[in-house]
Every structure is written in structure tokens, then in C-alpha cells.
Amino acid sequence: MAEKRKYKKRFCKYCESKVDFMDYKEVGALRFSLSERYKIMPRRLTGNCKRHQDMISIVIKRARAAALVPYTVTRKAVVTQPFENLR
């Protein structure tokens, strides 16, 4: 029988700081939910609850539509410091 994986329980940092509203214009706050290729990170990696993960995905999609965050980056265009431009 395979052993059960042991990992650290992740907690939603937005619940801890009691965030009720997120703004798509605050691009610096979105960097924790985006990968280096600007993809939305899943809940199992970020530790967000369902409510805040849904809120983050809506905010990121709005920021992409407003051209504040790129949709995706190809493998050849990946930079070493991806969030340097998002200040």
C-alpha cells in the first residue's frame, strides 16, 4: 500500500487578512496567484479558499482584458524576472 503524502496545510492568506474586495488595477497583489508564465495558479498550490480563488480568477481576467497583465508568455519569451514590469 502506498504511503499517504505528508504536506504542510496551506491557509488562505486572503481569509486571514479579511479581504472582501479585490481590484484588478492592483497588479502587484496578483503576482502571488500567477506563475512565471502568467498563468493562474491552482488552489492546491496557492492554498486559497474557493471564494477567494474565484475572486482572483475574475480579477486576473479583468486585468488581462485591460492589458495590465499579459495572457500567456511563450517558452522563448520567458524572462528571468517576470514580475518586474508589474509594479
Protein backbone atom coordinates (compact mmCIF):
# COMPACT_ATOMS: atom_id res chain seq x y z
CA MET A 1 0.00 0.00 0.00
CA ALA A 2 1.29 3.44 -0.85
CA GLU A 3 2.11 5.81 1.94
CA LYS A 4 -0.03 8.87 2.39
CA ARG A 5 1.69 12.06 1.29
CA LYS A 6 2.52 14.44 4.05
CA TYR A 7 2.48 18.10 3.21
CA LYS A 8 2.07 21.36 5.01
CA LYS A 9 -1.51 22.60 5.27
CA ARG A 10 -1.85 25.81 3.31
CA PHE A 11 -4.16 28.53 4.53
CA CYS A 12 -5.90 31.22 2.54
CA LYS A 13 -3.95 34.42 3.08
CA TYR A 14 -6.92 36.47 1.91
CA CYS A 15 -9.16 34.99 4.62
CA GLU A 16 -6.51 35.72 7.22
CA SER A 17 -6.29 39.37 6.14
CA LYS A 18 -10.12 39.55 5.76
CA VAL A 19 -10.19 40.71 2.14
CA ASP A 20 -13.72 41.29 0.82
CA PHE A 21 -12.93 43.05 -2.44
CA MET A 22 -10.06 42.88 -4.91
CA ASP A 23 -9.33 45.46 -7.56
CA TYR A 24 -7.97 44.47 -10.96
CA LYS A 25 -5.80 47.60 -11.06
CA GLU A 26 -3.65 46.36 -8.15
CA VAL A 27 -1.41 44.22 -10.32
CA GLY A 28 1.28 43.82 -7.67
CA ALA A 29 -1.13 41.93 -5.43
CA LEU A 30 -1.92 39.48 -8.24
CA ARG A 31 1.65 38.27 -8.65
CA PHE A 32 1.23 35.63 -5.93
CA SER A 33 -1.55 33.99 -7.92
CA LEU A 34 0.26 34.00 -11.27
CA SER A 35 3.02 31.69 -12.45
CA GLU A 36 6.18 32.88 -14.20
CA ARG A 37 4.36 32.39 -17.50
CA TYR A 38 1.40 34.47 -16.22
CA LYS A 39 -0.94 31.53 -15.81
CA ILE A 40 -3.40 31.40 -12.92
CA MET A 41 -2.06 29.17 -10.16
CA PRO A 42 -4.43 26.44 -8.89
CA ARG A 43 -5.88 26.36 -5.39
CA ARG A 44 -3.83 23.36 -4.34
CA LEU A 45 -0.61 25.35 -4.85
CA THR A 46 -1.67 28.74 -3.51
CA GLY A 47 -3.81 27.49 -0.62
CA ASN A 48 -6.65 29.87 -1.38
CA CYS A 49 -10.22 29.05 -0.45
CA LYS A 50 -12.82 28.62 -3.19
CA ARG A 51 -14.37 32.04 -2.64
CA HIS A 52 -11.10 33.93 -2.95
CA GLN A 53 -9.79 31.75 -5.79
CA ASP A 54 -12.92 32.58 -7.82
CA MET A 55 -12.45 36.25 -6.97
CA ILE A 56 -8.79 36.13 -8.03
CA SER A 57 -9.58 34.45 -11.33
CA ILE A 58 -12.18 37.12 -12.17
CA VAL A 59 -9.76 39.91 -11.23
CA ILE A 60 -6.93 38.41 -13.31
CA LYS A 61 -9.23 38.01 -16.31
CA ARG A 62 -10.30 41.66 -16.00
CA ALA A 63 -6.68 42.77 -15.74
CA ARG A 64 -5.85 40.76 -18.86
CA ALA A 65 -8.73 42.37 -20.76
CA ALA A 66 -7.46 45.80 -19.67
CA ALA A 67 -3.95 44.83 -20.88
CA LEU A 68 -2.39 45.19 -17.42
CA VAL A 69 -1.32 41.54 -17.35
CA PRO A 70 -0.36 39.51 -20.45
CA TYR A 71 -2.41 36.43 -21.29
CA THR A 72 0.49 33.96 -21.59
CA VAL A 73 4.14 34.02 -22.50
CA THR A 74 5.77 31.57 -24.88
CA ARG A 75 8.70 29.46 -23.76
CA LYS A 76 11.13 31.52 -25.81
CA ALA A 77 9.95 34.82 -24.33
CA VAL A 78 10.14 33.81 -20.65
CA VAL A 79 12.21 36.35 -18.73
CA THR A 80 14.19 35.83 -15.53
CA GLN A 81 12.26 38.47 -13.55
CA PRO A 82 8.67 38.21 -14.86
CA PHE A 83 7.03 40.48 -12.26
CA GLU A 84 9.50 43.31 -12.54
CA ASN A 85 7.25 45.14 -15.04
CA LEU A 86 4.11 44.78 -12.88
CA ARG A 87 4.82 47.49 -10.33
